């Protein structure tokens, strides 16, 4: 699994957890999940697909730098720029310091 898909799954997991916890609190209205009816569980399970909406919106957004269609290009440009800065820093540190007479 590539890094982009792994990041999307992690994002979905965070959204899913938040949506499920929120649904349990709202649907349960202070009751224990053990006492929920089947209709209440269906409402909570609806939160599972609703949690995927933000992730899907980010995936289909062509300008999203993390998950969008241009994510690979943005990551490559960022990587090249970072490597360039690292090389510049290494050259500065590698150059011998001039001694004052």
N, C-alpha and C. Protein backbone atom coordinates (compact mmCIF):
# COMPACT_ATOMS: atom_id res chain seq x y z
N UNK A 1 0.85 -1.17 0.00
CA UNK A 1 0.00 0.00 0.00
C UNK A 1 0.90 1.23 0.00
N UNK A 2 0.61 2.17 -0.89
CA UNK A 2 1.45 3.35 -0.96
C UNK A 2 1.08 4.34 0.14
N UNK A 3 1.95 5.32 0.33
CA UNK A 3 1.81 6.27 1.43
C UNK A 3 0.53 7.09 1.32
N UNK A 4 0.15 7.44 0.08
CA UNK A 4 -1.05 8.26 -0.11
C UNK A 4 -2.29 7.50 0.39
N UNK A 5 -2.41 6.23 0.02
CA UNK A 5 -3.56 5.45 0.45
C UNK A 5 -3.55 5.22 1.96
N UNK A 6 -2.37 5.02 2.52
CA UNK A 6 -2.27 4.83 3.96
C UNK A 6 -2.72 6.09 4.70
N UNK A 7 -2.30 7.25 4.21
CA UNK A 7 -2.71 8.50 4.83
C UNK A 7 -4.23 8.71 4.73
N UNK A 8 -4.81 8.31 3.58
CA UNK A 8 -6.27 8.43 3.44
C UNK A 8 -6.98 7.52 4.42
N UNK A 9 -6.48 6.30 4.59
CA UNK A 9 -7.10 5.38 5.54
C UNK A 9 -6.99 5.89 6.98
N UNK A 10 -5.85 6.46 7.31
CA UNK A 10 -5.70 7.03 8.65
C UNK A 10 -6.67 8.20 8.85
N UNK A 11 -6.81 9.02 7.84
CA UNK A 11 -7.74 10.14 7.92
C UNK A 11 -9.17 9.65 8.08
N UNK A 12 -9.54 8.63 7.30
CA UNK A 12 -10.87 8.05 7.42
C UNK A 12 -11.08 7.48 8.81
N UNK A 13 -10.07 6.82 9.35
CA UNK A 13 -10.17 6.25 10.70
C UNK A 13 -10.42 7.31 11.75
N UNK A 14 -9.72 8.46 11.63
CA UNK A 14 -9.94 9.55 12.58
C UNK A 14 -11.36 10.10 12.46
N UNK A 15 -11.81 10.30 11.22
CA UNK A 15 -13.18 10.79 11.02
C UNK A 15 -14.20 9.78 11.52
N UNK A 16 -13.94 8.50 11.26
CA UNK A 16 -14.86 7.45 11.69
C UNK A 16 -14.97 7.41 13.20
N UNK A 17 -13.85 7.45 13.89
CA UNK A 17 -13.87 7.42 15.34
C UNK A 17 -14.65 8.60 15.91
N UNK A 18 -14.38 9.79 15.39
CA UNK A 18 -15.10 10.97 15.85
C UNK A 18 -16.60 10.89 15.58
N UNK A 19 -16.96 10.40 14.40
CA UNK A 19 -18.37 10.31 14.04
C UNK A 19 -19.10 9.26 14.89
N UNK A 20 -18.46 8.13 15.12
CA UNK A 20 -19.08 7.07 15.93
C UNK A 20 -19.27 7.53 17.37
N UNK A 21 -18.25 8.13 17.96
CA UNK A 21 -18.37 8.61 19.34
C UNK A 21 -19.46 9.67 19.44
N UNK A 22 -19.48 10.59 18.49
CA UNK A 22 -20.51 11.61 18.50
C UNK A 22 -21.89 10.99 18.36
N UNK A 23 -22.04 10.03 17.45
CA UNK A 23 -23.34 9.39 17.23
C UNK A 23 -23.81 8.64 18.48
N UNK A 24 -22.89 7.96 19.15
CA UNK A 24 -23.25 7.23 20.38
C UNK A 24 -23.75 8.21 21.44
N UNK A 25 -23.07 9.32 21.59
CA UNK A 25 -23.47 10.30 22.59
C UNK A 25 -24.81 10.93 22.24
N UNK A 26 -25.00 11.30 20.98
CA UNK A 26 -26.23 11.98 20.58
C UNK A 26 -27.42 11.02 20.56
N UNK A 27 -27.24 9.84 19.96
CA UNK A 27 -28.33 8.88 19.86
C UNK A 27 -28.68 8.31 21.22
N UNK A 28 -27.66 8.03 22.03
CA UNK A 28 -27.90 7.42 23.33
C UNK A 28 -28.52 8.37 24.33
N UNK A 29 -28.26 9.64 24.16
CA UNK A 29 -28.84 10.65 25.04
C UNK A 29 -28.59 10.29 26.52
N UNK A 30 -27.38 9.87 26.82
CA UNK A 30 -27.02 9.56 28.19
C UNK A 30 -27.18 8.09 28.58
N UNK A 31 -27.74 7.27 27.69
CA UNK A 31 -27.92 5.85 27.99
C UNK A 31 -26.66 5.07 27.63
N UNK A 32 -26.58 3.88 28.17
CA UNK A 32 -25.46 3.00 27.86
C UNK A 32 -25.67 2.37 26.48
N UNK A 33 -24.61 2.20 25.68
CA UNK A 33 -24.76 1.56 24.37
C UNK A 33 -25.32 0.15 24.44
N UNK A 34 -25.20 -0.49 25.59
CA UNK A 34 -25.73 -1.85 25.75
C UNK A 34 -27.25 -1.86 25.61
N UNK A 35 -27.91 -0.77 26.00
CA UNK A 35 -29.37 -0.72 25.97
C UNK A 35 -29.94 -0.15 24.67
N UNK A 36 -29.11 0.09 23.65
CA UNK A 36 -29.60 0.66 22.40
C UNK A 36 -30.51 -0.31 21.67
N UNK A 37 -31.47 0.26 20.95
CA UNK A 37 -32.35 -0.55 20.11
C UNK A 37 -31.69 -0.72 18.74
N UNK A 38 -32.28 -1.56 17.90
CA UNK A 38 -31.74 -1.78 16.56
C UNK A 38 -31.78 -0.49 15.74
N UNK A 39 -32.84 0.29 15.90
CA UNK A 39 -32.93 1.56 15.16
C UNK A 39 -31.82 2.52 15.57
N UNK A 40 -31.49 2.53 16.85
CA UNK A 40 -30.41 3.40 17.31
C UNK A 40 -29.07 2.95 16.73
N UNK A 41 -28.85 1.63 16.65
CA UNK A 41 -27.61 1.13 16.07
C UNK A 41 -27.52 1.45 14.59
N UNK A 42 -28.65 1.43 13.89
CA UNK A 42 -28.66 1.80 12.47
C UNK A 42 -28.25 3.25 12.31
N UNK A 43 -28.75 4.12 13.18
CA UNK A 43 -28.37 5.53 13.13
C UNK A 43 -26.88 5.70 13.38
N UNK A 44 -26.34 4.92 14.30
CA UNK A 44 -24.90 5.00 14.58
C UNK A 44 -24.09 4.47 13.40
N UNK A 45 -24.55 3.39 12.78
CA UNK A 45 -23.84 2.84 11.63
C UNK A 45 -23.87 3.79 10.43
N UNK A 46 -24.88 4.63 10.36
CA UNK A 46 -24.91 5.64 9.29
C UNK A 46 -23.73 6.59 9.42
N UNK A 47 -23.24 6.75 10.64
CA UNK A 47 -22.08 7.62 10.84
C UNK A 47 -20.84 7.06 10.14
N UNK A 48 -20.80 5.75 9.91
CA UNK A 48 -19.63 5.14 9.27
C UNK A 48 -19.47 5.63 7.83
N UNK A 49 -20.56 5.69 7.08
CA UNK A 49 -20.41 6.16 5.70
C UNK A 49 -20.33 7.69 5.65
N UNK A 50 -20.95 8.35 6.62
CA UNK A 50 -20.88 9.81 6.66
C UNK A 50 -19.43 10.25 6.94
N UNK A 51 -18.71 9.47 7.72
CA UNK A 51 -17.32 9.81 8.03
C UNK A 51 -16.43 9.78 6.80
N UNK A 52 -16.83 9.07 5.76
CA UNK A 52 -16.04 9.00 4.53
C UNK A 52 -16.19 10.21 3.63
N UNK A 53 -17.21 11.02 3.87
CA UNK A 53 -17.46 12.17 3.00
C UNK A 53 -16.30 13.17 3.00
N UNK A 54 -15.78 13.60 4.17
CA UNK A 54 -14.65 14.56 4.12
C UNK A 54 -13.42 13.99 3.40
N UNK A 55 -13.15 12.72 3.59
CA UNK A 55 -12.00 12.11 2.94
C UNK A 55 -12.21 12.06 1.43
N UNK A 56 -13.41 11.70 1.01
CA UNK A 56 -13.72 11.66 -0.42
C UNK A 56 -13.64 13.05 -1.04
N UNK A 57 -14.11 14.06 -0.34
CA UNK A 57 -14.03 15.43 -0.85
C UNK A 57 -12.58 15.85 -1.04
N UNK A 58 -11.72 15.47 -0.11
CA UNK A 58 -10.30 15.80 -0.24
C UNK A 58 -9.67 15.05 -1.40
N UNK A 59 -10.08 13.79 -1.60
CA UNK A 59 -9.51 12.99 -2.68
C UNK A 59 -9.88 13.57 -4.04
N UNK A 60 -11.12 13.99 -4.21
CA UNK A 60 -11.57 14.50 -5.50
C UNK A 60 -11.20 15.97 -5.73
N UNK A 61 -10.71 16.64 -4.71
CA UNK A 61 -10.26 18.02 -4.86
C UNK A 61 -8.89 17.99 -5.54
N UNK A 62 -8.82 18.48 -6.75
CA UNK A 62 -7.58 18.41 -7.53
C UNK A 62 -6.46 19.25 -6.92
N UNK A 63 -6.82 20.24 -6.12
CA UNK A 63 -5.80 21.13 -5.56
C UNK A 63 -5.36 20.75 -4.15
N UNK A 64 -5.92 19.70 -3.59
CA UNK A 64 -5.54 19.28 -2.24
C UNK A 64 -4.13 18.70 -2.27
N UNK A 65 -3.21 19.29 -1.50
CA UNK A 65 -1.82 18.82 -1.57
C UNK A 65 -1.57 17.47 -0.90
N UNK A 66 -2.48 16.99 -0.07
CA UNK A 66 -2.25 15.73 0.63
C UNK A 66 -2.83 14.53 -0.11
N UNK A 67 -4.10 14.61 -0.49
CA UNK A 67 -4.77 13.46 -1.09
C UNK A 67 -5.20 13.68 -2.52
N UNK A 68 -5.23 14.92 -2.95
CA UNK A 68 -5.80 15.25 -4.25
C UNK A 68 -5.00 14.72 -5.43
N UNK A 69 -5.51 14.99 -6.60
CA UNK A 69 -4.91 14.50 -7.84
C UNK A 69 -3.50 15.03 -8.04
N UNK A 70 -3.18 16.20 -7.48
CA UNK A 70 -1.84 16.76 -7.67
C UNK A 70 -0.90 16.43 -6.51
N UNK A 71 -1.37 15.62 -5.57
CA UNK A 71 -0.57 15.34 -4.37
C UNK A 71 0.81 14.80 -4.71
N UNK A 72 0.90 13.91 -5.68
CA UNK A 72 2.19 13.32 -6.04
C UNK A 72 3.14 14.39 -6.58
N UNK A 73 2.62 15.28 -7.43
CA UNK A 73 3.44 16.34 -8.00
C UNK A 73 3.92 17.30 -6.91
N UNK A 74 3.02 17.67 -6.01
CA UNK A 74 3.39 18.59 -4.93
C UNK A 74 4.43 17.95 -4.03
N UNK A 75 4.26 16.68 -3.73
CA UNK A 75 5.22 15.97 -2.88
C UNK A 75 6.59 15.91 -3.54
N UNK A 76 6.64 15.69 -4.85
CA UNK A 76 7.91 15.61 -5.57
C UNK A 76 8.62 16.96 -5.56
N UNK A 77 7.89 18.03 -5.81
CA UNK A 77 8.48 19.37 -5.81
C UNK A 77 9.00 19.71 -4.41
N UNK A 78 8.23 19.38 -3.39
CA UNK A 78 8.64 19.64 -2.02
C UNK A 78 9.89 18.85 -1.67
N UNK A 79 9.95 17.61 -2.10
CA UNK A 79 11.11 16.75 -1.83
C UNK A 79 12.36 17.34 -2.49
N UNK A 80 12.24 17.76 -3.74
CA UNK A 80 13.39 18.33 -4.45
C UNK A 80 13.87 19.62 -3.77
N UNK A 81 12.94 20.45 -3.35
CA UNK A 81 13.29 21.71 -2.69
C UNK A 81 13.98 21.43 -1.35
N UNK A 82 13.49 20.46 -0.62
CA UNK A 82 14.09 20.10 0.66
C UNK A 82 15.51 19.57 0.46
N UNK A 83 15.70 18.71 -0.55
CA UNK A 83 17.04 18.18 -0.83
C UNK A 83 18.00 19.31 -1.21
N UNK A 84 17.51 20.27 -1.95
CA UNK A 84 18.34 21.41 -2.35
C UNK A 84 18.78 22.21 -1.12
N UNK A 85 17.87 22.44 -0.19
CA UNK A 85 18.20 23.18 1.03
C UNK A 85 19.19 22.41 1.89
N UNK A 86 19.02 21.08 1.95
CA UNK A 86 19.94 20.25 2.74
C UNK A 86 21.34 20.33 2.14
N UNK A 87 21.45 20.22 0.84
CA UNK A 87 22.76 20.30 0.18
C UNK A 87 23.42 21.65 0.45
N UNK A 88 22.63 22.72 0.39
CA UNK A 88 23.16 24.06 0.63
C UNK A 88 23.69 24.17 2.07
N UNK A 89 22.95 23.62 3.02
CA UNK A 89 23.36 23.67 4.42
C UNK A 89 24.62 22.84 4.64
N UNK A 90 24.71 21.67 4.03
CA UNK A 90 25.88 20.81 4.18
C UNK A 90 27.11 21.52 3.61
N UNK A 91 26.98 22.20 2.48
CA UNK A 91 28.12 22.90 1.89
C UNK A 91 28.62 24.00 2.82
N UNK A 92 27.69 24.72 3.46
CA UNK A 92 28.10 25.79 4.37
C UNK A 92 28.88 25.23 5.56
N UNK A 93 28.41 24.10 6.08
CA UNK A 93 29.08 23.52 7.25
C UNK A 93 30.40 22.87 6.87
N UNK A 94 30.50 22.36 5.65
CA UNK A 94 31.71 21.66 5.22
C UNK A 94 32.85 22.63 4.87
N UNK A 95 32.52 23.85 4.50
CA UNK A 95 33.56 24.81 4.14
C UNK A 95 34.37 25.19 5.37
N UNK A 96 35.71 25.18 5.25
CA UNK A 96 36.54 25.52 6.41
C UNK A 96 36.38 27.00 6.76
N UNK A 97 36.36 27.26 8.02
CA UNK A 97 36.23 28.65 8.48
C UNK A 97 37.56 29.38 8.26
N UNK A 98 37.46 30.60 7.81
CA UNK A 98 38.68 31.41 7.59
C UNK A 98 39.16 31.96 8.91
N UNK A 99 40.45 31.82 9.14
CA UNK A 99 41.03 32.31 10.38
C UNK A 99 41.48 33.75 10.19
N UNK A 100 41.26 34.55 11.20
CA UNK A 100 41.72 35.93 11.14
C UNK A 100 43.17 35.99 11.59
N UNK A 101 44.00 36.77 10.87
CA UNK A 101 45.44 36.86 11.25
C UNK A 101 45.68 37.66 12.48
